[in-house]
Amino acid sequence: MGIAINPLENRAAERTQAAGLVRLMRNFEAKGYEMSVNAKGELWGIRRGNGYQAARNMIRGKKAYYSRDYFRQVGALIMEKTSLRVVDTAA
């Protein structure tokens, strides 16, 4: 007496925590996040910036992007505007 259960049509399977977790991850991935689950079962998400948008109004350094409002690029150096302290080198 083999009964085939289709999990896509089973309403009880749609209400499980695993199904809810999959829906949550897919919603975040649709918004541009990279989602993963670590060994403890915790969700982790990273949203990567678009390099083109960041490059228009930001200074690209080797460590990070820097706002032109607070930093300036002098040659290959990126410096704070207020203290002229070198924070990074340009990429």
PDB file of N, CA and C in Angstrom:
ATOM      1  N   MET A   1       0.830  -1.162   0.000  1.00  0.00           N
ATOM      2  CA  MET A   1       0.000   0.000   0.000  1.00  0.00           C
ATOM      3  C   MET A   1       0.889   1.244   0.000  1.00  0.00           C
ATOM      4  N   GLY A   2       1.444   1.586  -1.119  1.00  0.00           N
ATOM      5  CA  GLY A   2       2.333   2.741  -1.204  1.00  0.00           C
ATOM      6  C   GLY A   2       1.563   4.017  -1.494  1.00  0.00           C
ATOM      7  N   ILE A   3       1.684   4.967  -0.617  1.00  0.00           N
ATOM      8  CA  ILE A   3       1.031   6.257  -0.805  1.00  0.00           C
ATOM      9  C   ILE A   3       2.118   7.279  -1.127  1.00  0.00           C
ATOM     10  N   ALA A   4       1.993   7.894  -2.259  1.00  0.00           N
ATOM     11  CA  ALA A   4       2.966   8.909  -2.657  1.00  0.00           C
ATOM     12  C   ALA A   4       2.519  10.259  -2.112  1.00  0.00           C
ATOM     13  N   ILE A   5       3.415  10.907  -1.395  1.00  0.00           N
ATOM     14  CA  ILE A   5       3.105  12.221  -0.826  1.00  0.00           C
ATOM     15  C   ILE A   5       3.920  13.262  -1.573  1.00  0.00           C
ATOM     16  N   ASN A   6       3.233  14.172  -2.177  1.00  0.00           N
ATOM     17  CA  ASN A   6       3.900  15.257  -2.877  1.00  0.00           C
ATOM     18  C   ASN A   6       4.072  16.420  -1.894  1.00  0.00           C
ATOM     19  N   PRO A   7       5.319  16.756  -1.515  1.00  0.00           N
ATOM     20  CA  PRO A   7       5.502  17.824  -0.522  1.00  0.00           C
ATOM     21  C   PRO A   7       5.060  19.194  -1.028  1.00  0.00           C
ATOM     22  N   LEU A   8       4.967  19.360  -2.347  1.00  0.00           N
ATOM     23  CA  LEU A   8       4.516  20.641  -2.868  1.00  0.00           C
ATOM     24  C   LEU A   8       3.016  20.844  -2.691  1.00  0.00           C
ATOM     25  N   GLU A   9       2.269  19.741  -2.585  1.00  0.00           N
ATOM     26  CA  GLU A   9       0.821  19.838  -2.415  1.00  0.00           C
ATOM     27  C   GLU A   9       0.395  19.617  -0.973  1.00  0.00           C
ATOM     28  N   ASN A  10       1.309  19.249  -0.116  1.00  0.00           N
ATOM     29  CA  ASN A  10       0.984  18.950   1.268  1.00  0.00           C
ATOM     30  C   ASN A  10       0.983  20.242   2.086  1.00  0.00           C
ATOM     31  N   ARG A  11      -0.153  20.641   2.583  1.00  0.00           N
ATOM     32  CA  ARG A  11      -0.276  21.889   3.345  1.00  0.00           C
ATOM     33  C   ARG A  11       0.483  21.833   4.668  1.00  0.00           C
ATOM     34  N   ALA A  12       0.552  20.651   5.277  1.00  0.00           N
ATOM     35  CA  ALA A  12       1.273  20.525   6.550  1.00  0.00           C
ATOM     36  C   ALA A  12       2.767  20.770   6.336  1.00  0.00           C
ATOM     37  N   ALA A  13       3.304  20.335   5.201  1.00  0.00           N
ATOM     38  CA  ALA A  13       4.728  20.540   4.914  1.00  0.00           C
ATOM     39  C   ALA A  13       5.035  22.010   4.692  1.00  0.00           C
ATOM     40  N   GLU A  14       4.066  22.798   4.245  1.00  0.00           N
ATOM     41  CA  GLU A  14       4.279  24.225   4.019  1.00  0.00           C
ATOM     42  C   GLU A  14       4.364  24.999   5.328  1.00  0.00           C
ATOM     43  N   ARG A  15       3.865  24.427   6.419  1.00  0.00           N
ATOM     44  CA  ARG A  15       3.842  25.135   7.694  1.00  0.00           C
ATOM     45  C   ARG A  15       5.000  24.756   8.603  1.00  0.00           C
ATOM     46  N   THR A  16       5.899  23.903   8.148  1.00  0.00           N
ATOM     47  CA  THR A  16       7.013  23.491   9.002  1.00  0.00           C
ATOM     48  C   THR A  16       8.037  24.611   9.109  1.00  0.00           C
ATOM     49  N   GLN A  17       8.881  24.513  10.100  1.00  0.00           N
ATOM     50  CA  GLN A  17       9.924  25.518  10.279  1.00  0.00           C
ATOM     51  C   GLN A  17      10.901  25.515   9.117  1.00  0.00           C
ATOM     52  N   ALA A  18      11.202  24.338   8.600  1.00  0.00           N
ATOM     53  CA  ALA A  18      12.149  24.252   7.478  1.00  0.00           C
ATOM     54  C   ALA A  18      11.592  24.962   6.246  1.00  0.00           C
ATOM     55  N   ALA A  19      10.330  24.779   5.974  1.00  0.00           N
ATOM     56  CA  ALA A  19       9.723  25.446   4.824  1.00  0.00           C
ATOM     57  C   ALA A  19       9.699  26.953   5.034  1.00  0.00           C
ATOM     58  N   GLY A  20       9.408  27.372   6.250  1.00  0.00           N
ATOM     59  CA  GLY A  20       9.435  28.801   6.552  1.00  0.00           C
ATOM     60  C   GLY A  20      10.829  29.387   6.411  1.00  0.00           C
ATOM     61  N   LEU A  21      11.829  28.626   6.814  1.00  0.00           N
ATOM     62  CA  LEU A  21      13.216  29.059   6.682  1.00  0.00           C
ATOM     63  C   LEU A  21      13.607  29.197   5.219  1.00  0.00           C
ATOM     64  N   VAL A  22      13.188  28.252   4.405  1.00  0.00           N
ATOM     65  CA  VAL A  22      13.485  28.325   2.970  1.00  0.00           C
ATOM     66  C   VAL A  22      12.816  29.542   2.349  1.00  0.00           C
ATOM     67  N   ARG A  23      11.550  29.797   2.712  1.00  0.00           N
ATOM     68  CA  ARG A  23      10.861  30.984   2.191  1.00  0.00           C
ATOM     69  C   ARG A  23      11.559  32.259   2.624  1.00  0.00           C
ATOM     70  N   LEU A  24      11.984  32.335   3.878  1.00  0.00           N
ATOM     71  CA  LEU A  24      12.680  33.514   4.394  1.00  0.00           C
ATOM     72  C   LEU A  24      13.980  33.755   3.638  1.00  0.00           C
ATOM     73  N   MET A  25      14.754  32.682   3.426  1.00  0.00           N
ATOM     74  CA  MET A  25      16.018  32.821   2.706  1.00  0.00           C
ATOM     75  C   MET A  25      15.793  33.246   1.263  1.00  0.00           C
ATOM     76  N   ARG A  26      14.780  32.704   0.618  1.00  0.00           N
ATOM     77  CA  ARG A  26      14.493  33.082  -0.772  1.00  0.00           C
ATOM     78  C   ARG A  26      14.055  34.542  -0.867  1.00  0.00           C
ATOM     79  N   ASN A  27      13.287  35.019   0.119  1.00  0.00           N
ATOM     80  CA  ASN A  27      12.867  36.425   0.112  1.00  0.00           C
ATOM     81  C   ASN A  27      14.074  37.344   0.238  1.00  0.00           C
ATOM     82  N   PHE A  28      15.012  37.012   1.130  1.00  0.00           N
ATOM     83  CA  PHE A  28      16.200  37.836   1.283  1.00  0.00           C
ATOM     84  C   PHE A  28      17.097  37.758   0.051  1.00  0.00           C
ATOM     85  N   GLU A  29      17.204  36.577  -0.557  1.00  0.00           N
ATOM     86  CA  GLU A  29      18.017  36.446  -1.767  1.00  0.00           C
ATOM     87  C   GLU A  29      17.413  37.247  -2.910  1.00  0.00           C
ATOM     88  N   ALA A  30      16.089  37.338  -2.954  1.00  0.00           N
ATOM     89  CA  ALA A  30      15.439  38.146  -3.984  1.00  0.00           C
ATOM     90  C   ALA A  30      15.724  39.631  -3.784  1.00  0.00           C
ATOM     91  N   LYS A  31      15.999  40.039  -2.546  1.00  0.00           N
ATOM     92  CA  LYS A  31      16.327  41.434  -2.254  1.00  0.00           C
ATOM     93  C   LYS A  31      17.806  41.739  -2.433  1.00  0.00           C
ATOM     94  N   GLY A  32      18.610  40.730  -2.805  1.00  0.00           N
ATOM     95  CA  GLY A  32      20.017  40.974  -3.076  1.00  0.00           C
ATOM     96  C   GLY A  32      20.977  40.501  -2.003  1.00  0.00           C
ATOM     97  N   TYR A  33      20.503  39.775  -0.997  1.00  0.00           N
ATOM     98  CA  TYR A  33      21.375  39.268   0.057  1.00  0.00           C
ATOM     99  C   TYR A  33      21.911  37.893  -0.320  1.00  0.00           C
ATOM    100  N   GLU A  34      23.105  37.582   0.152  1.00  0.00           N
ATOM    101  CA  GLU A  34      23.640  36.228   0.052  1.00  0.00           C
ATOM    102  C   GLU A  34      23.427  35.585   1.407  1.00  0.00           C
ATOM    103  N   MET A  35      22.583  34.567   1.470  1.00  0.00           N
ATOM    104  CA  MET A  35      22.184  33.962   2.733  1.00  0.00           C
ATOM    105  C   MET A  35      22.861  32.613   2.925  1.00  0.00           C
ATOM    106  N   SER A  36      23.159  32.289   4.185  1.00  0.00           N
ATOM    107  CA  SER A  36      23.704  30.973   4.523  1.00  0.00           C
ATOM    108  C   SER A  36      23.311  30.634   5.956  1.00  0.00           C
ATOM    109  N   VAL A  37      23.459  29.371   6.301  1.00  0.00           N
ATOM    110  CA  VAL A  37      23.171  28.884   7.648  1.00  0.00           C
ATOM    111  C   VAL A  37      24.466  28.286   8.191  1.00  0.00           C
ATOM    112  N   ASN A  38      24.871  28.726   9.392  1.00  0.00           N
ATOM    113  CA  ASN A  38      26.113  28.195   9.957  1.00  0.00           C
ATOM    114  C   ASN A  38      25.856  26.874  10.679  1.00  0.00           C
ATOM    115  N   ALA A  39      26.896  26.322  11.306  1.00  0.00           N
ATOM    116  CA  ALA A  39      26.798  25.014  11.961  1.00  0.00           C
ATOM    117  C   ALA A  39      25.827  25.025  13.140  1.00  0.00           C
ATOM    118  N   LYS A  40      25.624  26.186  13.766  1.00  0.00           N
ATOM    119  CA  LYS A  40      24.683  26.285  14.888  1.00  0.00           C
ATOM    120  C   LYS A  40      23.236  26.421  14.426  1.00  0.00           C
ATOM    121  N   GLY A  41      23.038  26.628  13.123  1.00  0.00           N
ATOM    122  CA  GLY A  41      21.690  26.805  12.607  1.00  0.00           C
ATOM    123  C   GLY A  41      21.261  28.260  12.551  1.00  0.00           C
ATOM    124  N   GLU A  42      22.200  29.182  12.717  1.00  0.00           N
ATOM    125  CA  GLU A  42      21.882  30.612  12.663  1.00  0.00           C
ATOM    126  C   GLU A  42      21.956  31.108  11.235  1.00  0.00           C
ATOM    127  N   LEU A  43      21.054  32.026  10.888  1.00  0.00           N
ATOM    128  CA  LEU A  43      21.054  32.617   9.556  1.00  0.00           C
ATOM    129  C   LEU A  43      22.083  33.741   9.476  1.00  0.00           C
ATOM    130  N   TRP A  44      22.779  33.799   8.370  1.00  0.00           N
ATOM    131  CA  TRP A  44      23.722  34.880   8.115  1.00  0.00           C
ATOM    132  C   TRP A  44      23.438  35.422   6.735  1.00  0.00           C
ATOM    133  N   GLY A  45      23.450  36.737   6.606  1.00  0.00           N
ATOM    134  CA  GLY A  45      23.221  37.346   5.304  1.00  0.00           C
ATOM    135  C   GLY A  45      24.169  38.495   5.063  1.00  0.00           C
ATOM    136  N   ILE A  46      24.635  38.594   3.840  1.00  0.00           N
ATOM    137  CA  ILE A  46      25.522  39.677   3.434  1.00  0.00           C
ATOM    138  C   ILE A  46      24.904  40.322   2.206  1.00  0.00           C
ATOM    139  N   ARG A  47      24.865  41.625   2.203  1.00  0.00           N
ATOM    140  CA  ARG A  47      24.411  42.334   1.016  1.00  0.00           C
ATOM    141  C   ARG A  47      25.619  43.016   0.401  1.00  0.00           C
ATOM    142  N   ARG A  48      25.955  42.593  -0.770  1.00  0.00           N
ATOM    143  CA  ARG A  48      27.117  43.151  -1.449  1.00  0.00           C
ATOM    144  C   ARG A  48      26.698  44.395  -2.207  1.00  0.00           C
ATOM    145  N   GLY A  49      27.515  45.414  -2.112  1.00  0.00           N
ATOM    146  CA  GLY A  49      27.224  46.660  -2.807  1.00  0.00           C
ATOM    147  C   GLY A  49      27.550  46.568  -4.285  1.00  0.00           C
ATOM    148  N   ASN A  50      26.894  47.390  -5.039  1.00  0.00           N
ATOM    149  CA  ASN A  50      27.162  47.471  -6.465  1.00  0.00           C
ATOM    150  C   ASN A  50      28.391  48.359  -6.644  1.00  0.00           C
ATOM    151  N   GLY A  51      29.438  47.842  -7.228  1.00  0.00           N
ATOM    152  CA  GLY A  51      30.684  48.587  -7.383  1.00  0.00           C
ATOM    153  C   GLY A  51      30.525  49.853  -8.188  1.00  0.00           C
ATOM    154  N   TYR A  52      29.620  49.856  -9.162  1.00  0.00           N
ATOM    155  CA  TYR A  52      29.425  51.039  -9.984  1.00  0.00           C
ATOM    156  C   TYR A  52      28.828  52.176  -9.165  1.00  0.00           C
ATOM    157  N   GLN A  53      27.832  51.885  -8.348  1.00  0.00           N
ATOM    158  CA  GLN A  53      27.213  52.926  -7.532  1.00  0.00           C
ATOM    159  C   GLN A  53      28.182  53.457  -6.497  1.00  0.00           C
ATOM    160  N   ALA A  54      28.966  52.580  -5.893  1.00  0.00           N
ATOM    161  CA  ALA A  54      29.906  53.019  -4.873  1.00  0.00           C
ATOM    162  C   ALA A  54      31.009  53.866  -5.488  1.00  0.00           C
ATOM    163  N   ALA A  55      31.423  53.582  -6.711  1.00  0.00           N
ATOM    164  CA  ALA A  55      32.538  54.284  -7.330  1.00  0.00           C
ATOM    165  C   ALA A  55      32.158  55.706  -7.731  1.00  0.00           C
ATOM    166  N   ARG A  56      30.888  55.989  -7.947  1.00  0.00           N
ATOM    167  CA  ARG A  56      30.500  57.330  -8.387  1.00  0.00           C
ATOM    168  C   ARG A  56      30.708  58.382  -7.314  1.00  0.00           C
ATOM    169  N   ASN A  57      30.328  58.092  -6.079  1.00  0.00           N
ATOM    170  CA  ASN A  57      30.422  59.113  -5.041  1.00  0.00           C
ATOM    171  C   ASN A  57      31.332  58.693  -3.892  1.00  0.00           C
ATOM    172  N   MET A  58      32.128  57.654  -4.109  1.00  0.00           N
ATOM    173  CA  MET A  58      33.028  57.163  -3.073  1.00  0.00           C
ATOM    174  C   MET A  58      34.434  57.043  -3.639  1.00  0.00           C
ATOM    175  N   ILE A  59      35.411  57.073  -2.737  1.00  0.00           N
ATOM    176  CA  ILE A  59      36.801  56.842  -3.100  1.00  0.00           C
ATOM    177  C   ILE A  59      37.101  55.386  -2.786  1.00  0.00           C
ATOM    178  N   ARG A  60      37.624  54.672  -3.745  1.00  0.00           N
ATOM    179  CA  ARG A  60      37.901  53.253  -3.552  1.00  0.00           C
ATOM    180  C   ARG A  60      39.300  53.083  -2.983  1.00  0.00           C
ATOM    181  N   GLY A  61      39.369  52.536  -1.775  1.00  0.00           N
ATOM    182  CA  GLY A  61      40.641  52.233  -1.149  1.00  0.00           C
ATOM    183  C   GLY A  61      40.900  50.744  -1.180  1.00  0.00           C
ATOM    184  N   LYS A  62      42.059  50.337  -0.689  1.00  0.00           N
ATOM    185  CA  LYS A  62      42.372  48.906  -0.654  1.00  0.00           C
ATOM    186  C   LYS A  62      41.580  48.194   0.433  1.00  0.00           C
ATOM    187  N   LYS A  63      41.245  48.901   1.527  1.00  0.00           N
ATOM    188  CA  LYS A  63      40.497  48.279   2.622  1.00  0.00           C
ATOM    189  C   LYS A  63      38.991  48.477   2.500  1.00  0.00           C
ATOM    190  N   ALA A  64      38.568  49.632   1.964  1.00  0.00           N
ATOM    191  CA  ALA A  64      37.139  49.948   1.946  1.00  0.00           C
ATOM    192  C   ALA A  64      36.880  51.077   0.959  1.00  0.00           C
ATOM    193  N   TYR A  65      35.608  51.449   0.837  1.00  0.00           N
ATOM    194  CA  TYR A  65      35.213  52.643   0.094  1.00  0.00           C
ATOM    195  C   TYR A  65      35.079  53.784   1.094  1.00  0.00           C
ATOM    196  N   TYR A  66      35.474  54.992   0.694  1.00  0.00           N
ATOM    197  CA  TYR A  66      35.449  56.142   1.589  1.00  0.00           C
ATOM    198  C   TYR A  66      34.615  57.250   0.966  1.00  0.00           C
ATOM    199  N   SER A  67      33.819  57.914   1.807  1.00  0.00           N
ATOM    200  CA  SER A  67      32.955  58.986   1.349  1.00  0.00           C
ATOM    201  C   SER A  67      33.784  60.226   1.021  1.00  0.00           C
ATOM    202  N   ARG A  68      33.440  60.871  -0.074  1.00  0.00           N
ATOM    203  CA  ARG A  68      34.136  62.099  -0.459  1.00  0.00           C
ATOM    204  C   ARG A  68      33.806  63.248   0.490  1.00  0.00           C
ATOM    205  N   ASP A  69      32.747  63.126   1.287  1.00  0.00           N
ATOM    206  CA  ASP A  69      32.393  64.173   2.251  1.00  0.00           C
ATOM    207  C   ASP A  69      33.401  64.257   3.390  1.00  0.00           C
ATOM    208  N   TYR A  70      33.999  63.150   3.771  1.00  0.00           N
ATOM    209  CA  TYR A  70      34.882  63.104   4.928  1.00  0.00           C
ATOM    210  C   TYR A  70      36.340  62.803   4.588  1.00  0.00           C
ATOM    211  N   PHE A  71      36.594  62.305   3.374  1.00  0.00           N
ATOM    212  CA  PHE A  71      37.948  61.905   2.987  1.00  0.00           C
ATOM    213  C   PHE A  71      38.302  62.530   1.646  1.00  0.00           C
ATOM    214  N   ARG A  72      39.603  62.665   1.402  1.00  0.00           N
ATOM    215  CA  ARG A  72      40.070  63.134   0.106  1.00  0.00           C
ATOM    216  C   ARG A  72      41.219  62.272  -0.357  1.00  0.00           C
ATOM    217  N   GLN A  73      41.350  62.182  -1.664  1.00  0.00           N
ATOM    218  CA  GLN A  73      42.429  61.397  -2.243  1.00  0.00           C
ATOM    219  C   GLN A  73      43.511  62.353  -2.722  1.00  0.00           C
ATOM    220  N   VAL A  74      44.726  62.137  -2.224  1.00  0.00           N
ATOM    221  CA  VAL A  74      45.878  62.932  -2.622  1.00  0.00           C
ATOM    222  C   VAL A  74      46.887  61.954  -3.207  1.00  0.00           C
ATOM    223  N   GLY A  75      46.975  61.923  -4.526  1.00  0.00           N
ATOM    224  CA  GLY A  75      47.837  60.947  -5.176  1.00  0.00           C
ATOM    225  C   GLY A  75      47.317  59.548  -4.918  1.00  0.00           C
ATOM    226  N   ALA A  76      48.149  58.707  -4.319  1.00  0.00           N
ATOM    227  CA  ALA A  76      47.747  57.333  -4.012  1.00  0.00           C
ATOM    228  C   ALA A  76      47.254  57.189  -2.579  1.00  0.00           C
ATOM    229  N   LEU A  77      47.213  58.282  -1.818  1.00  0.00           N
ATOM    230  CA  LEU A  77      46.815  58.222  -0.408  1.00  0.00           C
ATOM    231  C   LEU A  77      45.385  58.703  -0.228  1.00  0.00           C
ATOM    232  N   ILE A  78      44.696  58.135   0.743  1.00  0.00           N
ATOM    233  CA  ILE A  78      43.367  58.592   1.133  1.00  0.00           C
ATOM    234  C   ILE A  78      43.508  59.169   2.534  1.00  0.00           C
ATOM    235  N   MET A  79      43.111  60.433   2.678  1.00  0.00           N
ATOM    236  CA  MET A  79      43.318  61.157   3.939  1.00  0.00           C
ATOM    237  C   MET A  79      41.993  61.686   4.464  1.00  0.00           C
ATOM    238  N   GLU A  80      41.902  61.817   5.814  1.00  0.00           N
ATOM    239  CA  GLU A  80      40.757  62.477   6.433  1.00  0.00           C
ATOM    240  C   GLU A  80      40.821  63.958   6.112  1.00  0.00           C
ATOM    241  N   LYS A  81      39.686  64.581   5.866  1.00  0.00           N
ATOM    242  CA  LYS A  81      39.681  66.008   5.555  1.00  0.00           C
ATOM    243  C   LYS A  81      39.996  66.862   6.779  1.00  0.00           C
ATOM    244  N   THR A  82      39.531  66.449   7.944  1.00  0.00           N
ATOM    245  CA  THR A  82      39.707  67.290   9.130  1.00  0.00           C
ATOM    246  C   THR A  82      41.121  67.242   9.693  1.00  0.00           C
ATOM    247  N   SER A  83      41.701  66.052   9.826  1.00  0.00           N
ATOM    248  CA  SER A  83      43.009  65.932  10.480  1.00  0.00           C
ATOM    249  C   SER A  83      44.132  65.629   9.496  1.00  0.00           C
ATOM    250  N   LEU A  84      43.791  65.382   8.224  1.00  0.00           N
ATOM    251  CA  LEU A  84      44.765  65.004   7.192  1.00  0.00           C
ATOM    252  C   LEU A  84      45.570  63.768   7.557  1.00  0.00           C
ATOM    253  N   ARG A  85      44.953  62.888   8.339  1.00  0.00           N
ATOM    254  CA  ARG A  85      45.576  61.628   8.708  1.00  0.00           C
ATOM    255  C   ARG A  85      45.372  60.622   7.579  1.00  0.00           C
ATOM    256  N   VAL A  86      46.425  59.893   7.187  1.00  0.00           N
ATOM    257  CA  VAL A  86      46.342  58.899   6.126  1.00  0.00           C
ATOM    258  C   VAL A  86      45.645  57.666   6.684  1.00  0.00           C
ATOM    259  N   VAL A  87      44.561  57.237   5.990  1.00  0.00           N
ATOM    260  CA  VAL A  87      43.803  56.080   6.465  1.00  0.00           C
ATOM    261  C   VAL A  87      43.954  54.869   5.566  1.00  0.00           C
ATOM    262  N   ASP A  88      44.314  55.087   4.282  1.00  0.00           N
ATOM    263  CA  ASP A  88      44.376  53.973   3.345  1.00  0.00           C
ATOM    264  C   ASP A  88      45.112  54.448   2.093  1.00  0.00           C
ATOM    265  N   THR A  89      45.369  53.507   1.200  1.00  0.00           N
ATOM    266  CA  THR A  89      45.908  53.850  -0.100  1.00  0.00           C
ATOM    267  C   THR A  89      44.870  53.522  -1.144  1.00  0.00           C
ATOM    268  N   ALA A  90      44.896  54.256  -2.235  1.00  0.00           N
ATOM    269  CA  ALA A  90      43.905  54.068  -3.289  1.00  0.00           C
ATOM    270  C   ALA A  90      44.136  52.742  -4.008  1.00  0.00           C
ATOM    271  N   ALA A  91      43.048  52.143  -4.404  1.00  0.00           N
ATOM    272  CA  ALA A  91      43.147  50.848  -5.109  1.00  0.00           C
ATOM    273  C   ALA A  91      43.386  51.058  -6.578  1.00  0.00           C
TER     274      ALA A  91
END
